[in-house]
Full PDB file with SEQRES, HELIX, SHEET, SSBOND, CRYST1, ORIGX, SCALE, CONECT and MASTER records, all heavy atoms in Angstrom:
SEQRES   1 A   34  LEU LEU ILE PRO ALA VAL LEU TYR TYR GLN PHE TYR VAL          
SEQRES   2 A   34  MET SER ALA PHE HIS GLY ARG ASN GLY LEU ASP GLN ALA          
SEQRES   3 A   34  PHE VAL CYS PHE MET VAL GLY ALA                              
HELIX    1 AA1 LEU A    2  PHE A   17  1                                  16    
HELIX    2 AA2 GLN A   25  GLY A   33  1                                   9    
CRYST1    1.000    1.000    1.000  90.00  90.00  90.00 P 1           1          
ORIGX1      1.000000  0.000000  0.000000        0.00000                         
ORIGX2      0.000000  1.000000  0.000000        0.00000                         
ORIGX3      0.000000  0.000000  1.000000        0.00000                         
SCALE1      1.000000  0.000000  0.000000        0.00000                         
SCALE2      0.000000  1.000000  0.000000        0.00000                         
SCALE3      0.000000  0.000000  1.000000        0.00000                         
ATOM      1  N   LEU A   1      83.416 103.952  88.040  1.00  0.00           N  
ATOM      2  CA  LEU A   1      83.708 104.817  89.188  1.00  0.00           C  
ATOM      3  C   LEU A   1      82.775 106.024  89.241  1.00  0.00           C  
ATOM      4  O   LEU A   1      82.481 106.537  90.313  1.00  0.00           O  
ATOM      5  CB  LEU A   1      85.160 105.286  89.138  1.00  0.00           C  
ATOM      6  CG  LEU A   1      86.202 104.200  89.337  1.00  0.00           C  
ATOM      7  CD1 LEU A   1      87.596 104.763  89.143  1.00  0.00           C  
ATOM      8  CD2 LEU A   1      86.073 103.591  90.716  1.00  0.00           C  
ATOM      9  N   LEU A   2      82.313 106.478  88.085  1.00  0.00           N  
ATOM     10  CA  LEU A   2      81.440 107.653  88.044  1.00  0.00           C  
ATOM     11  C   LEU A   2      80.091 107.378  88.698  1.00  0.00           C  
ATOM     12  O   LEU A   2      79.588 108.218  89.448  1.00  0.00           O  
ATOM     13  CB  LEU A   2      81.247 108.117  86.598  1.00  0.00           C  
ATOM     14  CG  LEU A   2      80.355 109.340  86.405  1.00  0.00           C  
ATOM     15  CD1 LEU A   2      80.987 110.564  87.068  1.00  0.00           C  
ATOM     16  CD2 LEU A   2      80.117 109.598  84.926  1.00  0.00           C  
ATOM     17  N   ILE A   3      79.529 106.230  88.453  1.00  0.00           N  
ATOM     18  CA  ILE A   3      78.188 105.924  88.976  1.00  0.00           C  
ATOM     19  C   ILE A   3      78.151 105.946  90.502  1.00  0.00           C  
ATOM     20  O   ILE A   3      77.335 106.664  91.088  1.00  0.00           O  
ATOM     21  CB  ILE A   3      77.670 104.592  88.387  1.00  0.00           C  
ATOM     22  CG1 ILE A   3      77.427 104.765  86.882  1.00  0.00           C  
ATOM     23  CG2 ILE A   3      76.402 104.133  89.096  1.00  0.00           C  
ATOM     24  CD1 ILE A   3      77.190 103.476  86.142  1.00  0.00           C  
ATOM     25  N   PRO A   4      79.036 105.216  91.204  1.00  0.00           N  
ATOM     26  CA  PRO A   4      78.985 105.312  92.671  1.00  0.00           C  
ATOM     27  C   PRO A   4      79.365 106.702  93.184  1.00  0.00           C  
ATOM     28  O   PRO A   4      78.858 107.142  94.216  1.00  0.00           O  
ATOM     29  CB  PRO A   4      79.967 104.255  93.160  1.00  0.00           C  
ATOM     30  CG  PRO A   4      80.722 103.806  91.983  1.00  0.00           C  
ATOM     31  CD  PRO A   4      79.981 104.213  90.765  1.00  0.00           C  
ATOM     32  N   ALA A   5      80.238 107.397  92.458  1.00  0.00           N  
ATOM     33  CA  ALA A   5      80.603 108.753  92.884  1.00  0.00           C  
ATOM     34  C   ALA A   5      79.400 109.688  92.816  1.00  0.00           C  
ATOM     35  O   ALA A   5      79.165 110.485  93.726  1.00  0.00           O  
ATOM     36  CB  ALA A   5      81.741 109.289  92.022  1.00  0.00           C  
ATOM     37  N   VAL A   6      78.627 109.592  91.748  1.00  0.00           N  
ATOM     38  CA  VAL A   6      77.426 110.427  91.608  1.00  0.00           C  
ATOM     39  C   VAL A   6      76.407 110.063  92.692  1.00  0.00           C  
ATOM     40  O   VAL A   6      75.796 110.955  93.299  1.00  0.00           O  
ATOM     41  CB  VAL A   6      76.819 110.280  90.196  1.00  0.00           C  
ATOM     42  CG1 VAL A   6      75.429 110.892  90.122  1.00  0.00           C  
ATOM     43  CG2 VAL A   6      77.739 110.920  89.159  1.00  0.00           C  
ATOM     44  N   LEU A   7      76.235 108.783  92.954  1.00  0.00           N  
ATOM     45  CA  LEU A   7      75.293 108.363  94.004  1.00  0.00           C  
ATOM     46  C   LEU A   7      75.746 108.846  95.383  1.00  0.00           C  
ATOM     47  O   LEU A   7      74.938 109.310  96.181  1.00  0.00           O  
ATOM     48  CB  LEU A   7      75.132 106.844  93.986  1.00  0.00           C  
ATOM     49  CG  LEU A   7      74.425 106.272  92.761  1.00  0.00           C  
ATOM     50  CD1 LEU A   7      74.469 104.748  92.783  1.00  0.00           C  
ATOM     51  CD2 LEU A   7      73.000 106.788  92.654  1.00  0.00           C  
ATOM     52  N   TYR A   8      77.044 108.750  95.654  1.00  0.00           N  
ATOM     53  CA  TYR A   8      77.578 109.220  96.936  1.00  0.00           C  
ATOM     54  C   TYR A   8      77.407 110.731  97.066  1.00  0.00           C  
ATOM     55  O   TYR A   8      77.008 111.234  98.117  1.00  0.00           O  
ATOM     56  CB  TYR A   8      79.059 108.837  97.062  1.00  0.00           C  
ATOM     57  CG  TYR A   8      79.646 109.137  98.425  1.00  0.00           C  
ATOM     58  CD1 TYR A   8      79.506 108.228  99.459  1.00  0.00           C  
ATOM     59  CD2 TYR A   8      80.336 110.318  98.660  1.00  0.00           C  
ATOM     60  CE1 TYR A   8      80.034 108.493 100.713  1.00  0.00           C  
ATOM     61  CE2 TYR A   8      80.871 110.589  99.909  1.00  0.00           C  
ATOM     62  CZ  TYR A   8      80.712 109.675 100.922  1.00  0.00           C  
ATOM     63  OH  TYR A   8      81.227 109.952 102.161  1.00  0.00           O  
ATOM     64  N   TYR A   9      77.679 111.453  95.979  1.00  0.00           N  
ATOM     65  CA  TYR A   9      77.520 112.910  95.992  1.00  0.00           C  
ATOM     66  C   TYR A   9      76.050 113.276  96.209  1.00  0.00           C  
ATOM     67  O   TYR A   9      75.741 114.201  96.959  1.00  0.00           O  
ATOM     68  CB  TYR A   9      78.041 113.506  94.682  1.00  0.00           C  
ATOM     69  CG  TYR A   9      77.924 115.003  94.611  1.00  0.00           C  
ATOM     70  CD1 TYR A   9      78.802 115.810  95.312  1.00  0.00           C  
ATOM     71  CD2 TYR A   9      76.932 115.612  93.856  1.00  0.00           C  
ATOM     72  CE1 TYR A   9      78.704 117.189  95.263  1.00  0.00           C  
ATOM     73  CE2 TYR A   9      76.818 116.986  93.809  1.00  0.00           C  
ATOM     74  CZ  TYR A   9      77.707 117.763  94.507  1.00  0.00           C  
ATOM     75  OH  TYR A   9      77.602 119.125  94.464  1.00  0.00           O  
ATOM     76  N   GLN A  10      75.141 112.548  95.574  1.00  0.00           N  
ATOM     77  CA  GLN A  10      73.716 112.815  95.752  1.00  0.00           C  
ATOM     78  C   GLN A  10      73.311 112.592  97.211  1.00  0.00           C  
ATOM     79  O   GLN A  10      72.573 113.391  97.782  1.00  0.00           O  
ATOM     80  CB  GLN A  10      72.898 111.921  94.830  1.00  0.00           C  
ATOM     81  CG  GLN A  10      71.415 112.159  94.918  1.00  0.00           C  
ATOM     82  CD  GLN A  10      70.621 111.248  94.001  1.00  0.00           C  
ATOM     83  OE1 GLN A  10      71.156 110.296  93.432  1.00  0.00           O  
ATOM     84  NE2 GLN A  10      69.345 111.536  93.863  1.00  0.00           N  
ATOM     85  N   PHE A  11      73.795 111.534  97.827  1.00  0.00           N  
ATOM     86  CA  PHE A  11      73.513 111.265  99.227  1.00  0.00           C  
ATOM     87  C   PHE A  11      74.109 112.358 100.114  1.00  0.00           C  
ATOM     88  O   PHE A  11      73.492 112.800 101.080  1.00  0.00           O  
ATOM     89  CB  PHE A  11      74.046 109.889  99.619  1.00  0.00           C  
ATOM     90  CG  PHE A  11      73.692 109.489 101.009  1.00  0.00           C  
ATOM     91  CD1 PHE A  11      72.377 109.215 101.367  1.00  0.00           C  
ATOM     92  CD2 PHE A  11      74.674 109.376 101.981  1.00  0.00           C  
ATOM     93  CE1 PHE A  11      72.047 108.859 102.661  1.00  0.00           C  
ATOM     94  CE2 PHE A  11      74.363 109.023 103.265  1.00  0.00           C  
ATOM     95  CZ  PHE A  11      73.038 108.752 103.610  1.00  0.00           C  
ATOM     96  N   TYR A  12      75.290 112.809  99.769  1.00  0.00           N  
ATOM     97  CA  TYR A  12      75.957 113.908 100.489  1.00  0.00           C  
ATOM     98  C   TYR A  12      75.114 115.175 100.441  1.00  0.00           C  
ATOM     99  O   TYR A  12      74.887 115.838 101.456  1.00  0.00           O  
ATOM    100  CB  TYR A  12      77.337 114.122  99.872  1.00  0.00           C  
ATOM    101  CG  TYR A  12      78.003 115.433 100.208  1.00  0.00           C  
ATOM    102  CD1 TYR A  12      78.614 115.620 101.440  1.00  0.00           C  
ATOM    103  CD2 TYR A  12      78.024 116.472  99.287  1.00  0.00           C  
ATOM    104  CE1 TYR A  12      79.243 116.818 101.748  1.00  0.00           C  
ATOM    105  CE2 TYR A  12      78.646 117.669  99.591  1.00  0.00           C  
ATOM    106  CZ  TYR A  12      79.247 117.842 100.816  1.00  0.00           C  
ATOM    107  OH  TYR A  12      79.858 119.031 101.105  1.00  0.00           O  
ATOM    108  N   VAL A  13      74.610 115.524  99.262  1.00  0.00           N  
ATOM    109  CA  VAL A  13      73.789 116.731  99.095  1.00  0.00           C  
ATOM    110  C   VAL A  13      72.480 116.591  99.875  1.00  0.00           C  
ATOM    111  O   VAL A  13      72.066 117.518 100.582  1.00  0.00           O  
ATOM    112  CB  VAL A  13      73.521 117.018  97.599  1.00  0.00           C  
ATOM    113  CG1 VAL A  13      72.458 118.087  97.420  1.00  0.00           C  
ATOM    114  CG2 VAL A  13      74.809 117.419  96.908  1.00  0.00           C  
ATOM    115  N   MET A  14      71.834 115.450  99.764  1.00  0.00           N  
ATOM    116  CA  MET A  14      70.570 115.240 100.469  1.00  0.00           C  
ATOM    117  C   MET A  14      70.764 115.329 101.978  1.00  0.00           C  
ATOM    118  O   MET A  14      69.945 115.925 102.685  1.00  0.00           O  
ATOM    119  CB  MET A  14      69.967 113.894 100.074  1.00  0.00           C  
ATOM    120  CG  MET A  14      69.427 113.874  98.667  1.00  0.00           C  
ATOM    121  SD  MET A  14      68.837 112.271  98.045  1.00  0.00           S  
ATOM    122  CE  MET A  14      68.366 111.359  99.454  1.00  0.00           C  
ATOM    123  N   SER A  15      71.838 114.759 102.490  1.00  0.00           N  
ATOM    124  CA  SER A  15      72.077 114.824 103.931  1.00  0.00           C  
ATOM    125  C   SER A  15      72.378 116.258 104.374  1.00  0.00           C  
ATOM    126  O   SER A  15      71.980 116.667 105.464  1.00  0.00           O  
ATOM    127  CB  SER A  15      73.198 113.875 104.345  1.00  0.00           C  
ATOM    128  OG  SER A  15      74.431 114.272 103.807  1.00  0.00           O  
ATOM    129  N   ALA A  16      73.043 117.037 103.532  1.00  0.00           N  
ATOM    130  CA  ALA A  16      73.323 118.438 103.877  1.00  0.00           C  
ATOM    131  C   ALA A  16      72.030 119.245 103.932  1.00  0.00           C  
ATOM    132  O   ALA A  16      71.848 120.087 104.815  1.00  0.00           O  
ATOM    133  CB  ALA A  16      74.281 119.053 102.865  1.00  0.00           C  
ATOM    134  N   PHE A  17      71.122 119.005 102.999  1.00  0.00           N  
ATOM    135  CA  PHE A  17      69.858 119.743 102.989  1.00  0.00           C  
ATOM    136  C   PHE A  17      68.922 119.325 104.112  1.00  0.00           C  
ATOM    137  O   PHE A  17      68.011 120.064 104.450  1.00  0.00           O  
ATOM    138  CB  PHE A  17      69.157 119.604 101.632  1.00  0.00           C  
ATOM    139  CG  PHE A  17      69.669 120.576 100.620  1.00  0.00           C  
ATOM    140  CD1 PHE A  17      70.546 120.161  99.634  1.00  0.00           C  
ATOM    141  CD2 PHE A  17      69.302 121.910 100.663  1.00  0.00           C  
ATOM    142  CE1 PHE A  17      71.037 121.060  98.702  1.00  0.00           C  
ATOM    143  CE2 PHE A  17      69.788 122.811  99.741  1.00  0.00           C  
ATOM    144  CZ  PHE A  17      70.657 122.387  98.758  1.00  0.00           C  
ATOM    145  N   HIS A  18      69.148 118.159 104.677  1.00  0.00           N  
ATOM    146  CA  HIS A  18      68.339 117.725 105.813  1.00  0.00           C  
ATOM    147  C   HIS A  18      69.030 117.988 107.144  1.00  0.00           C  
ATOM    148  O   HIS A  18      68.628 117.470 108.171  1.00  0.00           O  
ATOM    149  CB  HIS A  18      67.984 116.242 105.668  1.00  0.00           C  
ATOM    150  CG  HIS A  18      66.993 115.993 104.585  1.00  0.00           C  
ATOM    151  ND1 HIS A  18      67.367 115.671 103.301  1.00  0.00           N  
ATOM    152  CD2 HIS A  18      65.640 116.061 104.586  1.00  0.00           C  
ATOM    153  CE1 HIS A  18      66.292 115.533 102.559  1.00  0.00           C  
ATOM    154  NE2 HIS A  18      65.227 115.772 103.305  1.00  0.00           N  
ATOM    155  N   GLY A  19      70.107 118.778 107.110  1.00  0.00           N  
ATOM    156  CA  GLY A  19      70.783 119.190 108.335  1.00  0.00           C  
ATOM    157  C   GLY A  19      71.703 118.154 108.936  1.00  0.00           C  
ATOM    158  O   GLY A  19      72.156 118.305 110.058  1.00  0.00           O  
ATOM    159  N   ARG A  20      71.987 117.111 108.214  1.00  0.00           N  
ATOM    160  CA  ARG A  20      72.902 116.074 108.720  1.00  0.00           C  
ATOM    161  C   ARG A  20      74.217 116.192 107.972  1.00  0.00           C  
ATOM    162  O   ARG A  20      74.254 116.179 106.750  1.00  0.00           O  
ATOM    163  CB  ARG A  20      72.301 114.690 108.508  1.00  0.00           C  
ATOM    164  CG  ARG A  20      71.024 114.469 109.287  1.00  0.00           C  
ATOM    165  CD  ARG A  20      70.520 113.045 109.102  1.00  0.00           C  
ATOM    166  NE  ARG A  20      70.294 112.702 107.713  1.00  0.00           N  
ATOM    167  CZ  ARG A  20      69.115 112.754 107.097  1.00  0.00           C  
ATOM    168  NH1 ARG A  20      68.067 113.168 107.762  1.00  0.00           N  
ATOM    169  NH2 ARG A  20      68.995 112.410 105.832  1.00  0.00           N  
ATOM    170  N   ASN A  21      75.278 116.314 108.709  1.00  0.00           N  
ATOM    171  CA  ASN A  21      76.600 116.365 108.106  1.00  0.00           C  
ATOM    172  C   ASN A  21      77.343 115.073 108.400  1.00  0.00           C  
ATOM    173  O   ASN A  21      78.453 115.076 108.900  1.00  0.00           O  
ATOM    174  CB  ASN A  21      77.391 117.574 108.618  1.00  0.00           C  
ATOM    175  CG  ASN A  21      76.898 118.859 108.012  1.00  0.00           C  
ATOM    176  OD1 ASN A  21      76.314 118.841 106.944  1.00  0.00           O  
ATOM    177  ND2 ASN A  21      77.113 119.954 108.696  1.00  0.00           N  
ATOM    178  N   GLY A  22      76.715 113.957 108.087  1.00  0.00           N  
ATOM    179  CA  GLY A  22      77.311 112.666 108.370  1.00  0.00           C  
ATOM    180  C   GLY A  22      78.408 112.287 107.397  1.00  0.00           C  
ATOM    181  O   GLY A  22      79.209 111.419 107.681  1.00  0.00           O  
ATOM    182  N   LEU A  23      78.436 112.925 106.248  1.00  0.00           N  
ATOM    183  CA  LEU A  23      79.443 112.585 105.250  1.00  0.00           C  
ATOM    184  C   LEU A  23      80.544 113.625 105.262  1.00  0.00           C  
ATOM    185  O   LEU A  23      80.288 114.812 105.403  1.00  0.00           O  
ATOM    186  CB  LEU A  23      78.803 112.502 103.867  1.00  0.00           C  
ATOM    187  CG  LEU A  23      77.695 111.459 103.744  1.00  0.00           C  
ATOM    188  CD1 LEU A  23      77.073 111.541 102.373  1.00  0.00           C  
ATOM    189  CD2 LEU A  23      78.233 110.076 104.003  1.00  0.00           C  
ATOM    190  N   ASP A  24      81.742 113.171 105.083  1.00  0.00           N  
ATOM    191  CA  ASP A  24      82.907 114.041 105.159  1.00  0.00           C  
ATOM    192  C   ASP A  24      83.079 114.846 103.873  1.00  0.00           C  
ATOM    193  O   ASP A  24      83.248 114.270 102.795  1.00  0.00           O  
ATOM    194  CB  ASP A  24      84.142 113.199 105.433  1.00  0.00           C  
ATOM    195  CG  ASP A  24      85.330 114.022 105.828  1.00  0.00           C  
ATOM    196  OD1 ASP A  24      85.238 115.260 105.812  1.00  0.00           O  
ATOM    197  OD2 ASP A  24      86.360 113.423 106.154  1.00  0.00           O  
ATOM    198  N   GLN A  25      83.022 116.167 103.972  1.00  0.00           N  
ATOM    199  CA  GLN A  25      83.161 117.014 102.791  1.00  0.00           C  
ATOM    200  C   GLN A  25      84.539 116.848 102.152  1.00  0.00           C  
ATOM    201  O   GLN A  25      84.665 116.911 100.935  1.00  0.00           O  
ATOM    202  CB  GLN A  25      82.921 118.478 103.141  1.00  0.00           C  
ATOM    203  CG  GLN A  25      82.902 119.357 101.912  1.00  0.00           C  
ATOM    204  CD  GLN A  25      82.557 120.799 102.227  1.00  0.00           C  
ATOM    205  OE1 GLN A  25      82.783 121.277 103.324  1.00  0.00           O  
ATOM    206  NE2 GLN A  25      82.013 121.488 101.256  1.00  0.00           N  
ATOM    207  N   ALA A  26      85.552 116.612 102.951  1.00  0.00           N  
ATOM    208  CA  ALA A  26      86.891 116.444 102.383  1.00  0.00           C  
ATOM    209  C   ALA A  26      86.938 115.208 101.488  1.00  0.00           C  
ATOM    210  O   ALA A  26      87.568 115.232 100.424  1.00  0.00           O  
ATOM    211  CB  ALA A  26      87.929 116.347 103.496  1.00  0.00           C  
ATOM    212  N   PHE A  27      86.272 114.120 101.879  1.00  0.00           N  
ATOM    213  CA  PHE A  27      86.248 112.933 101.027  1.00  0.00           C  
ATOM    214  C   PHE A  27      85.469 113.205  99.746  1.00  0.00           C  
ATOM    215  O   PHE A  27      85.837 112.737  98.670  1.00  0.00           O  
ATOM    216  CB  PHE A  27      85.669 111.726 101.754  1.00  0.00           C  
ATOM    217  CG  PHE A  27      85.655 110.492 100.898  1.00  0.00           C  
ATOM    218  CD1 PHE A  27      86.839 109.826 100.614  1.00  0.00           C  
ATOM    219  CD2 PHE A  27      84.479 110.022 100.354  1.00  0.00           C  
ATOM    220  CE1 PHE A  27      86.843 108.712  99.797  1.00  0.00           C  
ATOM    221  CE2 PHE A  27      84.472 108.905  99.535  1.00  0.00           C  
ATOM    222  CZ  PHE A  27      85.655 108.239  99.266  1.00  0.00           C  
ATOM    223  N   VAL A  28      84.378 113.968  99.856  1.00  0.00           N  
ATOM    224  CA  VAL A  28      83.600 114.319  98.665  1.00  0.00           C  
ATOM    225  C   VAL A  28      84.465 115.144  97.715  1.00  0.00           C  
ATOM    226  O   VAL A  28      84.458 114.915  96.496  1.00  0.00           O  
ATOM    227  CB  VAL A  28      82.306 115.066  99.054  1.00  0.00           C  
ATOM    228  CG1 VAL A  28      81.591 115.603  97.827  1.00  0.00           C  
ATOM    229  CG2 VAL A  28      81.387 114.154  99.843  1.00  0.00           C  
ATOM    230  N   CYS A  29      85.230 116.088  98.240  1.00  0.00           N  
ATOM    231  CA  CYS A  29      86.118 116.895  97.394  1.00  0.00           C  
ATOM    232  C   CYS A  29      87.195 116.021  96.750  1.00  0.00           C  
ATOM    233  O   CYS A  29      87.519 116.197  95.570  1.00  0.00           O  
ATOM    234  CB  CYS A  29      86.757 118.015  98.211  1.00  0.00           C  
ATOM    235  SG  CYS A  29      85.593 119.299  98.698  1.00  0.00           S  
ATOM    236  N   PHE A  30      87.742 115.071  97.493  1.00  0.00           N  
ATOM    237  CA  PHE A  30      88.715 114.138  96.947  1.00  0.00           C  
ATOM    238  C   PHE A  30      88.096 113.337  95.810  1.00  0.00           C  
ATOM    239  O   PHE A  30      88.686 113.172  94.744  1.00  0.00           O  
ATOM    240  CB  PHE A  30      89.214 113.201  98.060  1.00  0.00           C  
ATOM    241  CG  PHE A  30      90.016 112.048  97.556  1.00  0.00           C  
ATOM    242  CD1 PHE A  30      91.352 112.201  97.249  1.00  0.00           C  
ATOM    243  CD2 PHE A  30      89.430 110.808  97.389  1.00  0.00           C  
ATOM    244  CE1 PHE A  30      92.102 111.135  96.777  1.00  0.00           C  
ATOM    245  CE2 PHE A  30      90.168 109.739  96.911  1.00  0.00           C  
ATOM    246  CZ  PHE A  30      91.500 109.896  96.609  1.00  0.00           C  
ATOM    247  N   MET A  31      86.875 112.856  96.045  1.00  0.00           N  
ATOM    248  CA  MET A  31      86.187 112.049  95.048  1.00  0.00           C  
ATOM    249  C   MET A  31      85.902 112.866  93.780  1.00  0.00           C  
ATOM    250  O   MET A  31      86.117 112.384  92.665  1.00  0.00           O  
ATOM    251  CB  MET A  31      84.875 111.539  95.652  1.00  0.00           C  
ATOM    252  CG  MET A  31      84.054 110.659  94.770  1.00  0.00           C  
ATOM    253  SD  MET A  31      82.449 110.314  95.522  1.00  0.00           S  
ATOM    254  CE  MET A  31      81.737 111.944  95.551  1.00  0.00           C  
ATOM    255  N   VAL A  32      85.464 114.103  93.939  1.00  0.00           N  
ATOM    256  CA  VAL A  32      85.201 114.970  92.788  1.00  0.00           C  
ATOM    257  C   VAL A  32      86.500 115.226  92.023  1.00  0.00           C  
ATOM    258  O   VAL A  32      86.530 115.182  90.789  1.00  0.00           O  
ATOM    259  CB  VAL A  32      84.529 116.290  93.219  1.00  0.00           C  
ATOM    260  CG1 VAL A  32      84.522 117.304  92.106  1.00  0.00           C  
ATOM    261  CG2 VAL A  32      83.106 116.021  93.695  1.00  0.00           C  
ATOM    262  N   GLY A  33      87.593 115.473  92.734  1.00  0.00           N  
ATOM    263  CA  GLY A  33      88.881 115.676  92.077  1.00  0.00           C  
ATOM    264  C   GLY A  33      89.321 114.448  91.296  1.00  0.00           C  
ATOM    265  O   GLY A  33      89.847 114.559  90.185  1.00  0.00           O  
ATOM    266  N   ALA A  34      89.093 113.271  91.856  1.00  0.00           N  
ATOM    267  CA  ALA A  34      89.444 112.033  91.156  1.00  0.00           C  
ATOM    268  C   ALA A  34      88.606 111.879  89.887  1.00  0.00           C  
ATOM    269  O   ALA A  34      89.125 111.491  88.834  1.00  0.00           O  
ATOM    270  CB  ALA A  34      89.247 110.832  92.079  1.00  0.00           C  
TER     271      ALA A  34                                                      
MASTER        0    0    0    2    0    0    0    6  270    1    0    3          
END                                                                             
């Protein structure tokens, strides 16, 4: 579970730095909490 979570988080960060908010921050927070 850690590997896809880290990859998803990395994609989330990259999209935020490129001005795209396509990923839901609430889901990322849920995933980090899990």
